[in-house]
C-alpha atoms as a PDB file:
ATOM      1  CA  MET A   1      -5.465 -14.044  -0.672  1.00  0.00           C
ATOM      2  CA  SER A   2      -2.516 -15.889  -2.718  1.00  0.00           C
ATOM      3  CA  LYS A   3      -2.286 -14.716  -6.196  1.00  0.00           C
ATOM      4  CA  ILE A   4      -1.312 -17.230  -8.605  1.00  0.00           C
ATOM      5  CA  LEU A   5      -0.223 -16.917 -12.584  1.00  0.00           C
ATOM      6  CA  ILE A   6      -0.880 -19.766 -14.767  1.00  0.00           C
ATOM      7  CA  VAL A   7       1.316 -19.396 -18.022  1.00  0.00           C
ATOM      8  CA  GLU A   8      -0.403 -22.284 -19.969  1.00  0.00           C
ATOM      9  CA  ASP A   9      -1.125 -22.423 -23.879  1.00  0.00           C
ATOM     10  CA  GLU A  10      -3.802 -24.894 -23.860  1.00  0.00           C
ATOM     11  CA  GLU A  11      -6.763 -22.887 -22.722  1.00  0.00           C
ATOM     12  CA  ALA A  12      -8.950 -25.683 -21.742  1.00  0.00           C
ATOM     13  CA  ILE A  13      -6.413 -26.841 -19.201  1.00  0.00           C
ATOM     14  CA  ALA A  14      -5.288 -23.467 -17.905  1.00  0.00           C
ATOM     15  CA  ASP A  15      -9.484 -22.542 -17.273  1.00  0.00           C
ATOM     16  CA  LEU A  16      -9.667 -26.078 -15.415  1.00  0.00           C
ATOM     17  CA  GLU A  17      -6.798 -25.135 -13.182  1.00  0.00           C
ATOM     18  CA  LYS A  18      -8.122 -21.691 -12.635  1.00  0.00           C
ATOM     19  CA  ASP A  19     -11.661 -23.029 -11.607  1.00  0.00           C
ATOM     20  CA  TYR A  20     -10.251 -25.437  -9.212  1.00  0.00           C
ATOM     21  CA  LEU A  21      -7.738 -22.867  -7.681  1.00  0.00           C
ATOM     22  CA  GLU A  22     -10.551 -20.129  -7.211  1.00  0.00           C
ATOM     23  CA  LEU A  23     -12.858 -22.625  -5.631  1.00  0.00           C
ATOM     24  CA  SER A  24      -9.960 -23.206  -3.172  1.00  0.00           C
ATOM     25  CA  GLY A  25      -9.868 -19.290  -2.460  1.00  0.00           C
ATOM     26  CA  PHE A  26      -6.916 -18.304  -4.506  1.00  0.00           C
ATOM     27  CA  GLU A  27      -6.851 -15.238  -6.940  1.00  0.00           C
ATOM     28  CA  VAL A  28      -5.863 -16.553 -10.416  1.00  0.00           C
ATOM     29  CA  GLU A  29      -4.318 -14.856 -13.851  1.00  0.00           C
ATOM     30  CA  ILE A  30      -4.046 -16.781 -17.110  1.00  0.00           C
ATOM     31  CA  GLU A  31      -1.517 -15.918 -19.562  1.00  0.00           C
ATOM     32  CA  ASN A  32      -1.243 -18.202 -23.014  1.00  0.00           C
ATOM     33  CA  ARG A  33       2.048 -17.159 -24.124  1.00  0.00           C
ATOM     34  CA  GLY A  34       5.278 -17.214 -22.907  1.00  0.00           C
ATOM     35  CA  ASP A  35       6.681 -13.900 -23.668  1.00  0.00           C
ATOM     36  CA  THR A  36       3.676 -12.139 -22.083  1.00  0.00           C
ATOM     37  CA  GLY A  37       3.530 -14.808 -19.213  1.00  0.00           C
ATOM     38  CA  LEU A  38       7.215 -13.888 -18.711  1.00  0.00           C
ATOM     39  CA  ASP A  39       6.616 -10.087 -18.449  1.00  0.00           C
ATOM     40  CA  LYS A  40       3.830 -10.652 -16.071  1.00  0.00           C
ATOM     41  CA  ALA A  41       5.871 -12.706 -13.646  1.00  0.00           C
ATOM     42  CA  LEU A  42       8.621 -10.495 -13.621  1.00  0.00           C
ATOM     43  CA  ASN A  43       6.836  -7.066 -13.282  1.00  0.00           C
ATOM     44  CA  GLU A  44       3.781  -8.239 -11.102  1.00  0.00           C
ATOM     45  CA  ASP A  45       3.629  -9.570  -7.841  1.00  0.00           C
ATOM     46  CA  TYR A  46       2.319 -13.002  -7.575  1.00  0.00           C
ATOM     47  CA  ASP A  47       2.798 -15.765  -4.669  1.00  0.00           C
ATOM     48  CA  LEU A  48       3.359 -18.901  -7.008  1.00  0.00           C
ATOM     49  CA  LEU A  49       3.916 -19.470 -10.658  1.00  0.00           C
ATOM     50  CA  ILE A  50       2.257 -22.632 -12.553  1.00  0.00           C
ATOM     51  CA  LEU A  51       4.383 -22.781 -15.730  1.00  0.00           C
ATOM     52  CA  ASP A  52       3.838 -25.121 -18.650  1.00  0.00           C
ATOM     53  CA  LEU A  53       6.940 -26.102 -20.691  1.00  0.00           C
ATOM     54  CA  MET A  54       6.001 -25.878 -24.262  1.00  0.00           C
ATOM     55  CA  LEU A  55       4.952 -22.428 -25.002  1.00  0.00           C
ATOM     56  CA  PRO A  56       4.735 -20.079 -27.930  1.00  0.00           C
ATOM     57  CA  GLU A  57       7.538 -17.376 -28.033  1.00  0.00           C
ATOM     58  CA  VAL A  58       9.476 -18.257 -24.938  1.00  0.00           C
ATOM     59  CA  ASP A  59       9.524 -21.794 -23.345  1.00  0.00           C
ATOM     60  CA  GLY A  60       8.828 -22.672 -19.819  1.00  0.00           C
ATOM     61  CA  PHE A  61      12.646 -23.455 -19.062  1.00  0.00           C
ATOM     62  CA  GLU A  62      13.773 -19.728 -20.008  1.00  0.00           C
ATOM     63  CA  ILE A  63      10.695 -18.259 -17.957  1.00  0.00           C
ATOM     64  CA  CYS A  64      11.900 -20.375 -14.881  1.00  0.00           C
ATOM     65  CA  ARG A  65      15.242 -19.428 -15.433  1.00  0.00           C
ATOM     66  CA  GLN A  66      14.871 -15.962 -15.798  1.00  0.00           C
ATOM     67  CA  VAL A  67      11.895 -15.522 -12.965  1.00  0.00           C
ATOM     68  CA  ARG A  68      14.397 -17.653 -10.378  1.00  0.00           C
ATOM     69  CA  GLU A  69      17.047 -15.127 -10.964  1.00  0.00           C
ATOM     70  CA  LYS A  70      14.805 -12.123  -9.518  1.00  0.00           C
ATOM     71  CA  LYS A  71      12.098 -13.659  -7.625  1.00  0.00           C
ATOM     72  CA  ASN A  72      11.677 -15.874  -4.752  1.00  0.00           C
ATOM     73  CA  MET A  73       8.318 -17.770  -5.017  1.00  0.00           C
ATOM     74  CA  PRO A  74       7.205 -21.488  -5.627  1.00  0.00           C
ATOM     75  CA  ILE A  75       7.412 -22.467  -9.488  1.00  0.00           C
ATOM     76  CA  ILE A  76       5.243 -25.620 -10.452  1.00  0.00           C
ATOM     77  CA  MET A  77       6.324 -26.780 -13.840  1.00  0.00           C
ATOM     78  CA  VAL A  78       3.681 -28.632 -15.928  1.00  0.00           C
ATOM     79  CA  SER A  79       4.415 -30.669 -18.844  1.00  0.00           C
ATOM     80  CA  ALA A  80       3.194 -33.517 -21.096  1.00  0.00           C
ATOM     81  CA  LYS A  81       7.016 -34.838 -21.306  1.00  0.00           C
ATOM     82  CA  LYS A  82       7.515 -37.882 -19.011  1.00  0.00           C
ATOM     83  CA  ASP A  83      11.580 -37.886 -19.540  1.00  0.00           C
ATOM     84  CA  ASP A  84      13.554 -37.309 -16.667  1.00  0.00           C
ATOM     85  CA  ILE A  85      15.976 -35.299 -18.348  1.00  0.00           C
ATOM     86  CA  ASP A  86      13.181 -32.256 -18.779  1.00  0.00           C
ATOM     87  CA  LYS A  87      12.354 -32.830 -14.964  1.00  0.00           C
ATOM     88  CA  ILE A  88      15.941 -32.716 -14.009  1.00  0.00           C
ATOM     89  CA  ARG A  89      16.472 -29.610 -16.100  1.00  0.00           C
ATOM     90  CA  GLY A  90      13.170 -27.933 -14.729  1.00  0.00           C
ATOM     91  CA  LEU A  91      14.153 -28.719 -11.146  1.00  0.00           C
ATOM     92  CA  GLY A  92      17.808 -27.602 -11.825  1.00  0.00           C
ATOM     93  CA  LEU A  93      16.623 -24.184 -13.352  1.00  0.00           C
ATOM     94  CA  GLY A  94      14.937 -23.593  -9.828  1.00  0.00           C
ATOM     95  CA  ALA A  95      11.412 -25.006 -10.152  1.00  0.00           C
ATOM     96  CA  ASP A  96      10.116 -26.309  -6.907  1.00  0.00           C
ATOM     97  CA  ASP A  97       7.840 -29.242  -8.321  1.00  0.00           C
ATOM     98  CA  TYR A  98       7.005 -31.104 -12.059  1.00  0.00           C
ATOM     99  CA  ILE A  99       3.713 -32.390 -12.750  1.00  0.00           C
ATOM    100  CA  THR A 100       3.000 -34.477 -15.286  1.00  0.00           C
ATOM    101  CA  LYS A 101       0.204 -34.152 -17.592  1.00  0.00           C
ATOM    102  CA  PRO A 102      -2.725 -35.280 -17.281  1.00  0.00           C
ATOM    103  CA  PHE A 103      -2.933 -34.832 -13.707  1.00  0.00           C
ATOM    104  CA  SER A 104      -6.003 -34.559 -11.150  1.00  0.00           C
ATOM    105  CA  PRO A 105      -6.850 -30.855 -10.777  1.00  0.00           C
ATOM    106  CA  SER A 106      -7.248 -31.643  -6.707  1.00  0.00           C
ATOM    107  CA  GLU A 107      -3.619 -32.701  -6.788  1.00  0.00           C
ATOM    108  CA  MET A 108      -2.309 -29.517  -8.292  1.00  0.00           C
ATOM    109  CA  VAL A 109      -4.298 -27.669  -5.630  1.00  0.00           C
ATOM    110  CA  ALA A 110      -2.956 -29.815  -3.103  1.00  0.00           C
ATOM    111  CA  ARG A 111       0.509 -29.159  -4.359  1.00  0.00           C
ATOM    112  CA  VAL A 112      -0.086 -25.346  -4.654  1.00  0.00           C
ATOM    113  CA  LYS A 113      -1.107 -25.110  -1.059  1.00  0.00           C
ATOM    114  CA  ALA A 114       2.025 -27.350   0.298  1.00  0.00           C
ATOM    115  CA  HIS A 115       4.152 -25.262  -1.597  1.00  0.00           C
ATOM    116  CA  LEU A 116       2.889 -21.824  -0.388  1.00  0.00           C
ATOM    117  CA  ALA A 117       2.963 -23.197   3.081  1.00  0.00           C
ATOM    118  CA  ARG A 118       6.176 -24.175   3.256  1.00  0.00           C
ATOM    119  CA  TYR A 119       7.339 -20.964   1.570  1.00  0.00           C
ATOM    120  CA  ASP A 120       5.262 -19.010   4.390  1.00  0.00           C
ATOM    121  CA  ARG A 121       7.277 -21.272   6.989  1.00  0.00           C
ATOM    122  CA  LEU A 122      10.423 -20.171   5.498  1.00  0.00           C
ATOM    123  CA  ILE A 123       9.630 -16.419   5.542  1.00  0.00           C
ATOM    124  CA  GLY A 124       8.138 -16.928   9.126  1.00  0.00           C
ATOM    125  CA  SER A 125      11.384 -18.460  10.264  1.00  0.00           C
ATOM    126  CA  GLY A 126      13.600 -15.794   9.889  1.00  0.00           C
ATOM    127  CA  GLN A 127      13.740 -14.096   6.582  1.00  0.00           C
ATOM    128  CA  LYS A 128      12.123 -10.233   7.140  1.00  0.00           C
ATOM    129  CA  THR A 129      10.059  -9.274   4.349  1.00  0.00           C
ATOM    130  CA  ASN A 130      10.930  -5.749   2.911  1.00  0.00           C
ATOM    131  CA  ASP A 131       8.913  -2.605   3.905  1.00  0.00           C
ATOM    132  CA  VAL A 132       7.436  -1.783   0.510  1.00  0.00           C
ATOM    133  CA  ILE A 133       4.804   1.226  -0.223  1.00  0.00           C
ATOM    134  CA  GLU A 134       2.621   0.744  -3.506  1.00  0.00           C
ATOM    135  CA  ILE A 135       0.497   3.616  -4.935  1.00  0.00           C
ATOM    136  CA  ARG A 136      -1.109   3.424  -8.321  1.00  0.00           C
ATOM    137  CA  GLY A 137       1.926   1.908 -10.154  1.00  0.00           C
ATOM    138  CA  ILE A 138       4.660   3.082  -8.157  1.00  0.00           C
ATOM    139  CA  LYS A 139       6.474   0.646  -5.895  1.00  0.00           C
ATOM    140  CA  ILE A 140       9.055   2.124  -3.077  1.00  0.00           C
ATOM    141  CA  ASP A 141      11.027  -0.622  -1.272  1.00  0.00           C
ATOM    142  CA  LYS A 142      12.085   1.243   1.853  1.00  0.00           C
ATOM    143  CA  THR A 143      14.320  -1.624   3.043  1.00  0.00           C
ATOM    144  CA  ALA A 144      16.319  -1.812  -0.125  1.00  0.00           C
ATOM    145  CA  ARG A 145      15.810   1.752  -0.860  1.00  0.00           C
ATOM    146  CA  ARG A 146      14.631   0.964  -4.537  1.00  0.00           C
ATOM    147  CA  VAL A 147      11.752   2.440  -6.770  1.00  0.00           C
ATOM    148  CA  TRP A 148       9.853   1.000  -9.524  1.00  0.00           C
ATOM    149  CA  VAL A 149       7.369   3.056 -11.902  1.00  0.00           C
ATOM    150  CA  ASN A 150       4.847   0.741 -13.514  1.00  0.00           C
ATOM    151  CA  GLY A 151       7.525  -2.323 -13.509  1.00  0.00           C
ATOM    152  CA  GLU A 152      10.468  -0.177 -14.520  1.00  0.00           C
ATOM    153  CA  GLU A 153      12.989   0.322 -11.776  1.00  0.00           C
ATOM    154  CA  LYS A 154      14.259   4.119 -11.626  1.00  0.00           C
ATOM    155  CA  GLN A 155      17.388   5.721  -9.852  1.00  0.00           C
ATOM    156  CA  PHE A 156      16.957   8.026  -7.301  1.00  0.00           C
ATOM    157  CA  THR A 157      19.633  10.218  -5.477  1.00  0.00           C
ATOM    158  CA  THR A 158      19.608   9.811  -1.356  1.00  0.00           C
ATOM    159  CA  LYS A 159      17.360  13.048  -0.788  1.00  0.00           C
ATOM    160  CA  GLU A 160      15.085  12.324  -3.979  1.00  0.00           C
ATOM    161  CA  PHE A 161      14.405   9.046  -2.290  1.00  0.00           C
ATOM    162  CA  ASP A 162      14.063  10.324   1.065  1.00  0.00           C
ATOM    163  CA  LEU A 163      11.584  12.999  -0.141  1.00  0.00           C
ATOM    164  CA  LEU A 164       9.425  10.804  -2.341  1.00  0.00           C
ATOM    165  CA  THR A 165       9.147   8.311   0.555  1.00  0.00           C
ATOM    166  CA  PHE A 166       8.151  10.862   2.822  1.00  0.00           C
ATOM    167  CA  LEU A 167       5.513  12.248   0.566  1.00  0.00           C
ATOM    168  CA  ALA A 168       4.123   8.866  -0.365  1.00  0.00           C
ATOM    169  CA  GLU A 169       4.057   7.789   3.240  1.00  0.00           C
ATOM    170  CA  ASN A 170       1.715  10.864   3.878  1.00  0.00           C
ATOM    171  CA  PRO A 171      -0.893  10.991   0.791  1.00  0.00           C
ATOM    172  CA  ASN A 172      -3.163  13.659   0.491  1.00  0.00           C
ATOM    173  CA  HIS A 173      -1.432  16.048   3.018  1.00  0.00           C
ATOM    174  CA  VAL A 174       0.003  19.300   1.980  1.00  0.00           C
ATOM    175  CA  PHE A 175       3.326  19.989   3.273  1.00  0.00           C
ATOM    176  CA  THR A 176       4.863  23.639   2.727  1.00  0.00           C
ATOM    177  CA  LYS A 177       8.364  23.892   1.228  1.00  0.00           C
ATOM    178  CA  GLU A 178       9.862  24.862   4.714  1.00  0.00           C
ATOM    179  CA  GLU A 179       8.358  21.754   6.311  1.00  0.00           C
ATOM    180  CA  LEU A 180       9.824  19.339   3.746  1.00  0.00           C
ATOM    181  CA  PHE A 181      13.334  21.085   4.086  1.00  0.00           C
ATOM    182  CA  ARG A 182      13.050  20.589   7.623  1.00  0.00           C
ATOM    183  CA  GLU A 183      11.975  16.990   7.458  1.00  0.00           C
ATOM    184  CA  ILE A 184      14.234  15.544   4.719  1.00  0.00           C
ATOM    185  CA  TRP A 185      17.357  17.696   5.500  1.00  0.00           C
ATOM    186  CA  ASP A 186      16.783  17.783   9.001  1.00  0.00           C
ATOM    187  CA  MET A 187      17.774  21.282   9.936  1.00  0.00           C
ATOM    188  CA  GLU A 188      15.690  24.512  10.396  1.00  0.00           C
ATOM    189  CA  SER A 189      14.934  26.617   7.772  1.00  0.00           C
ATOM    190  CA  ILE A 190      18.348  28.008   7.439  1.00  0.00           C
ATOM    191  CA  GLY A 191      19.489  27.663   3.815  1.00  0.00           C
ATOM    192  CA  ASP A 192      18.286  27.616   0.513  1.00  0.00           C
ATOM    193  CA  ILE A 193      14.391  25.879   0.581  1.00  0.00           C
ATOM    194  CA  ALA A 194      14.560  26.248  -3.367  1.00  0.00           C
ATOM    195  CA  THR A 195      16.554  22.676  -3.110  1.00  0.00           C
ATOM    196  CA  VAL A 196      13.165  21.408  -2.366  1.00  0.00           C
ATOM    197  CA  THR A 197      11.652  22.730  -5.403  1.00  0.00           C
ATOM    198  CA  VAL A 198      14.524  21.143  -7.560  1.00  0.00           C
ATOM    199  CA  HIS A 199      14.182  18.104  -5.910  1.00  0.00           C
ATOM    200  CA  ILE A 200      10.639  17.639  -6.802  1.00  0.00           C
ATOM    201  CA  LYS A 201      11.373  18.676 -10.474  1.00  0.00           C
ATOM    202  CA  LYS A 202      14.146  15.773 -10.519  1.00  0.00           C
ATOM    203  CA  ILE A 203      11.416  13.441  -9.003  1.00  0.00           C
ATOM    204  CA  ARG A 204       8.602  14.229 -11.253  1.00  0.00           C
ATOM    205  CA  GLU A 205      11.022  13.593 -14.418  1.00  0.00           C
ATOM    206  CA  LYS A 206      11.286  10.067 -13.061  1.00  0.00           C
ATOM    207  CA  ILE A 207       7.678   9.215 -11.787  1.00  0.00           C
ATOM    208  CA  GLU A 208       5.424  11.510 -13.860  1.00  0.00           C
ATOM    209  CA  PHE A 209       4.126  10.713 -17.214  1.00  0.00           C
ATOM    210  CA  ASN A 210       3.585  14.297 -18.035  1.00  0.00           C
ATOM    211  CA  THR A 211       5.496  16.687 -15.819  1.00  0.00           C
ATOM    212  CA  ALA A 212       3.380  19.475 -17.063  1.00  0.00           C
ATOM    213  CA  LYS A 213       0.329  17.513 -15.503  1.00  0.00           C
ATOM    214  CA  PRO A 214       1.713  15.682 -12.585  1.00  0.00           C
ATOM    215  CA  GLN A 215      -0.652  12.869 -11.488  1.00  0.00           C
ATOM    216  CA  TYR A 216       1.617  11.980  -8.307  1.00  0.00           C
ATOM    217  CA  ILE A 217       2.999  14.993  -6.515  1.00  0.00           C
ATOM    218  CA  GLU A 218       0.700  17.935  -7.044  1.00  0.00           C
ATOM    219  CA  THR A 219       1.628  21.836  -6.645  1.00  0.00           C
ATOM    220  CA  ILE A 220      -0.518  23.470  -4.292  1.00  0.00           C
ATOM    221  CA  TRP A 221       0.089  27.330  -5.198  1.00  0.00           C
ATOM    222  CA  GLY A 222       0.779  29.251  -2.428  1.00  0.00           C
ATOM    223  CA  VAL A 223       1.152  26.405  -0.165  1.00  0.00           C
ATOM    224  CA  GLY A 224       3.274  23.748  -1.271  1.00  0.00           C
ATOM    225  CA  TYR A 225       3.206  19.976  -2.391  1.00  0.00           C
ATOM    226  CA  ARG A 226       0.925  17.287  -1.911  1.00  0.00           C
ATOM    227  CA  PHE A 227       1.416  13.691  -2.679  1.00  0.00           C
ATOM    228  CA  LYS A 228      -1.992  12.273  -4.625  1.00  0.00           C
ATOM    229  CA  ALA A 229      -3.034   8.883  -3.612  1.00  0.00           C
END
C-alpha cells in the first residue's frame, strides 16, 4: 500500500483529499504546518507528497527544495495561486506536478496514481532499490552502509556496521562472543574476543537510549548477545 503525506493548512481540503485517497486504497497522513510537514517528509518514508504552497512556519517552496535534495518521490504542489511564475518556480524546485485550487478530488487521485505508476516504471527500468533493514526505529541501509536511529544518521566504523547488521539480520538469536568473532572478523577464535565486547559497547552508545538498560542488543549472561526484534 502506497503511503502519502499531505501538507495542507486548510483542514477541510486536507480531509477531503485524505478521504478520496483512502477510498482508492492509499495510506494517508496529514500535517497542517510547514515545519512539522518538512520534518515528517525528511525523516519518515512516504511514496508521494502533496504539498500546499502557503503554509505557516515554512512555505511549500522551501519544503519542496529540501525534500528534493534528499528524497526521490513524486511531489504534487497545490495552490490557490494561478500565476505562471509560481508554477514555474515550483516545477523548477523539483515538483512533479502543480494543481490549482479549486480542483476535483477525483482529478487529484488520478494524478497521484499516474505519478506513482511513472516512478514505479522508472525504478523497474533499472534503478535498483537499496537493501534496507528496519527494526523499531533503527534503519540500516546495507547497500549504502548507512544507519539511522529515530531519523538521525549515526556514523559507524566498518566492523561496527558489520556487527550491527549481522545481529539485526538474525533477531532473537543468541550468539556467543566466539561466534560473533568468527563471523565478523572472519577468523577462528585466535585473537582477543574481547574486541567483540568493545564493539558492542560502542554500538550501544549509538543506538540505545539508555546503555544501562539496552532495548536492542541484550546481554545474555554466561552466553553472549541477542538483538531483540
